[in-house]
Amino acid sequence: MSRFEYLSVLMSIVIAFAMSEALSGWGQMIRLRDRVRPYPLHVGWSVLSVLLMVQWWWGFWQYREIADLGFFGFLAVLSEPITLVLLSFVLTPHPGELGGRDLRAEYFRNRAWIFGLAALLLIELMVVDALVGLQPFWHPENAVRGAGLAIAAALALSENERLHAGALALAYALLFGFVFVTFQWG
């Protein structure tokens, strides 16, 4: 087993934990559909968070080229899926709390945490790719991440529903643009 394979096992477990939290939340909302009215922005950001987890896991493959990640490099890379786990917890209401819960109010009550963690993730991605992945800091990927960072900061501060809806559409466009540019669909 290579060192990359060894390290990727823990990364996969952490990402699976984050995905499990999101998916169990969706399952609980379906089970309690008589008592829970989904809020479209919450659902949209929740789905996007799962797509980000998949994209992160897929992108982790680039680290196979690094001969020795080292302990601190590994911790830096591990900080990214840990942030995704925390984001998943903040986005996903606890199953016991779903009955009669106002998911719109919950979304806006948690917006500073949701988008603060999103901003932290984007910063981690920029810094870790530069320091550990040896990618130049001024790279097209970081331009997309910078736009995402500006969006996250605005959303953490604003309760404007239209701004959140427009930003959600833009975030999906940025993610799919990022995936297209980075992975060229193959």
Protein backbone atom coordinates (compact mmCIF):
# COMPACT_ATOMS: atom_id res chain seq x y z
CA MET A 1 0.00 0.00 0.00
CA SER A 2 1.39 3.39 -0.95
CA ARG A 3 1.51 6.31 1.46
CA PHE A 4 -1.12 8.11 -0.63
CA GLU A 5 -3.46 5.13 -0.42
CA TYR A 6 -2.90 4.94 3.31
CA LEU A 7 -3.70 8.62 3.84
CA SER A 8 -6.62 8.62 1.43
CA VAL A 9 -8.42 6.06 3.59
CA LEU A 10 -8.74 8.56 6.46
CA MET A 11 -9.73 11.34 4.07
CA SER A 12 -12.44 9.10 2.60
CA ILE A 13 -13.74 8.23 6.06
CA VAL A 14 -14.00 11.91 7.03
CA ILE A 15 -15.79 12.82 3.79
CA ALA A 16 -18.10 9.82 4.20
CA PHE A 17 -18.95 11.07 7.69
CA ALA A 18 -19.90 14.49 6.29
CA MET A 19 -21.97 12.93 3.51
CA SER A 20 -23.67 10.61 5.98
CA GLU A 21 -24.75 13.59 8.09
CA ALA A 22 -26.23 15.39 5.07
CA LEU A 23 -27.92 12.31 3.66
CA SER A 24 -29.39 11.29 7.02
CA GLY A 25 -30.80 14.81 7.35
CA TRP A 26 -32.45 14.49 3.95
CA GLY A 27 -33.82 11.09 4.93
CA GLN A 28 -35.25 12.48 8.16
CA MET A 29 -36.90 15.35 6.29
CA ILE A 30 -38.51 12.82 3.95
CA ARG A 31 -39.64 10.65 6.87
CA LEU A 32 -41.10 13.64 8.69
CA ARG A 33 -42.52 15.25 5.56
CA ASP A 34 -45.90 15.72 7.26
CA ARG A 35 -44.29 17.92 9.93
CA VAL A 36 -41.42 19.51 8.01
CA ARG A 37 -41.75 21.92 5.14
CA PRO A 38 -38.43 22.11 3.28
CA TYR A 39 -37.01 25.53 2.58
CA PRO A 40 -35.63 25.73 -0.97
CA LEU A 41 -32.51 27.72 -0.07
CA HIS A 42 -31.64 25.28 2.69
CA VAL A 43 -32.13 22.32 0.36
CA GLY A 44 -30.12 24.02 -2.41
CA TRP A 45 -27.14 24.77 -0.16
CA SER A 46 -27.34 21.31 1.38
CA VAL A 47 -27.20 19.66 -2.04
CA LEU A 48 -24.35 21.96 -3.04
CA SER A 49 -22.44 20.97 0.10
CA VAL A 50 -22.68 17.30 -0.90
CA LEU A 51 -21.48 18.17 -4.41
CA LEU A 52 -18.56 20.03 -2.81
CA MET A 53 -17.73 16.92 -0.80
CA VAL A 54 -17.70 14.79 -3.94
CA GLN A 55 -15.62 17.37 -5.78
CA TRP A 56 -13.17 17.61 -2.87
CA TRP A 57 -12.77 13.83 -2.74
CA TRP A 58 -12.29 13.71 -6.50
CA GLY A 59 -9.74 16.55 -6.35
CA PHE A 60 -7.78 14.85 -3.57
CA TRP A 61 -6.39 12.57 -6.28
CA GLN A 62 -3.95 15.36 -7.26
CA TYR A 63 -2.03 14.73 -4.02
CA ARG A 64 -0.93 11.28 -5.23
CA GLU A 65 1.92 13.06 -7.05
CA ILE A 66 3.43 14.48 -3.85
CA ALA A 67 6.28 12.24 -2.76
CA ASP A 68 6.05 13.00 0.95
CA LEU A 69 3.10 14.94 2.25
CA GLY A 70 4.58 15.07 5.76
CA PHE A 71 2.61 15.25 8.99
CA PHE A 72 1.84 18.98 8.86
CA GLY A 73 0.96 18.82 5.19
CA PHE A 74 -1.37 15.96 5.96
CA LEU A 75 -2.98 17.98 8.80
CA ALA A 76 -3.42 20.93 6.44
CA VAL A 77 -5.12 18.75 3.83
CA LEU A 78 -7.20 17.03 6.55
CA SER A 79 -8.48 20.43 7.71
CA GLU A 80 -10.51 20.72 4.50
CA PRO A 81 -12.75 17.64 4.94
CA ILE A 82 -13.06 18.45 8.65
CA THR A 83 -14.47 21.84 7.68
CA LEU A 84 -16.86 20.06 5.31
CA VAL A 85 -18.02 17.87 8.22
CA LEU A 86 -18.69 20.95 10.36
CA LEU A 87 -20.52 22.61 7.47
CA SER A 88 -22.65 19.51 7.08
CA PHE A 89 -23.56 19.58 10.78
CA VAL A 90 -24.55 23.24 10.65
CA LEU A 91 -26.62 22.75 7.49
CA THR A 92 -28.36 19.60 8.71
CA PRO A 93 -30.97 19.94 11.43
CA HIS A 94 -30.78 17.24 14.09
CA PRO A 95 -33.44 14.58 13.41
CA GLY A 96 -35.03 15.04 16.84
CA GLU A 97 -35.39 18.77 16.16
CA LEU A 98 -37.15 18.50 12.80
CA GLY A 99 -40.77 18.21 13.90
CA GLY A 100 -42.47 21.59 13.54
CA ARG A 101 -39.16 23.33 12.84
CA ASP A 102 -39.11 26.42 10.65
CA LEU A 103 -36.25 25.60 8.29
CA ARG A 104 -36.31 29.11 6.79
CA ALA A 105 -35.73 30.66 10.22
CA GLU A 106 -33.13 27.99 10.99
CA TYR A 107 -31.27 28.73 7.74
CA PHE A 108 -31.06 32.46 8.40
CA ARG A 109 -30.25 31.93 12.09
CA ASN A 110 -27.27 29.75 11.08
CA ARG A 111 -26.19 31.75 8.02
CA ALA A 112 -23.11 33.26 9.69
CA TRP A 113 -21.87 29.77 10.62
CA ILE A 114 -22.81 28.24 7.27
CA PHE A 115 -21.08 30.86 5.20
CA GLY A 116 -18.28 31.45 7.70
CA LEU A 117 -17.37 27.77 7.39
CA ALA A 118 -17.73 28.01 3.60
CA ALA A 119 -15.32 30.97 3.62
CA LEU A 120 -12.91 29.05 5.85
CA LEU A 121 -13.03 26.09 3.47
CA LEU A 122 -12.24 28.31 0.47
CA ILE A 123 -9.30 29.88 2.31
CA GLU A 124 -8.04 26.43 3.32
CA LEU A 125 -8.28 25.25 -0.29
CA MET A 126 -6.31 28.24 -1.57
CA VAL A 127 -3.59 28.03 1.08
CA VAL A 128 -3.23 24.24 1.13
CA ASP A 129 -3.03 24.01 -2.67
CA ALA A 130 -0.28 26.66 -2.64
CA LEU A 131 1.74 25.35 0.32
CA VAL A 132 1.18 21.60 0.10
CA GLY A 133 0.05 21.05 -3.48
CA LEU A 134 2.77 23.40 -4.77
CA GLN A 135 0.29 25.18 -7.02
CA PRO A 136 0.99 28.87 -7.70
CA PHE A 137 -1.22 31.05 -5.51
CA TRP A 138 -2.26 33.14 -8.53
CA HIS A 139 -3.95 30.28 -10.30
CA PRO A 140 -7.32 30.18 -12.15
CA GLU A 141 -8.75 27.83 -9.50
CA ASN A 142 -8.10 30.47 -6.86
CA ALA A 143 -9.88 33.09 -8.95
CA VAL A 144 -13.02 30.94 -8.73
CA ARG A 145 -12.41 30.36 -5.03
CA GLY A 146 -11.92 34.10 -4.50
CA ALA A 147 -15.31 34.78 -6.09
CA GLY A 148 -16.80 32.12 -3.82
CA LEU A 149 -15.14 33.76 -0.82
CA ALA A 150 -16.72 37.12 -1.67
CA ILE A 151 -20.12 35.44 -2.02
CA ALA A 152 -19.75 33.61 1.30
CA ALA A 153 -18.79 36.81 3.12
CA ALA A 154 -21.79 38.68 1.72
CA LEU A 155 -24.17 35.85 2.63
CA ALA A 156 -22.82 35.54 6.16
CA LEU A 157 -23.79 39.18 6.73
CA SER A 158 -27.05 39.43 4.82
CA GLU A 159 -30.59 38.20 5.43
CA ASN A 160 -31.73 39.27 1.97
CA GLU A 161 -33.53 36.25 0.55
CA ARG A 162 -33.03 37.35 -3.05
CA LEU A 163 -29.31 37.77 -2.52
CA HIS A 164 -29.15 34.24 -1.05
CA ALA A 165 -31.14 32.81 -3.97
CA GLY A 166 -29.01 34.56 -6.59
CA ALA A 167 -25.82 33.56 -4.81
CA LEU A 168 -26.98 29.95 -4.72
CA ALA A 169 -27.42 29.94 -8.50
CA LEU A 170 -24.03 31.62 -8.91
CA ALA A 171 -22.40 29.12 -6.52
CA TYR A 172 -23.67 26.21 -8.63
CA ALA A 173 -22.35 27.91 -11.76
CA LEU A 174 -18.97 28.48 -10.10
CA LEU A 175 -18.76 24.87 -8.93
CA PHE A 176 -19.63 23.43 -12.33
CA GLY A 177 -17.31 25.93 -14.04
CA PHE A 178 -14.55 24.98 -11.62
CA VAL A 179 -15.07 21.28 -12.26
CA PHE A 180 -15.13 21.83 -16.01
CA VAL A 181 -11.97 23.94 -16.04
CA THR A 182 -10.09 21.77 -13.55
CA PHE A 183 -11.05 18.29 -14.68
CA GLN A 184 -12.08 18.87 -18.31
CA TRP A 185 -14.91 16.34 -17.83
CA GLY A 186 -12.54 13.45 -17.99
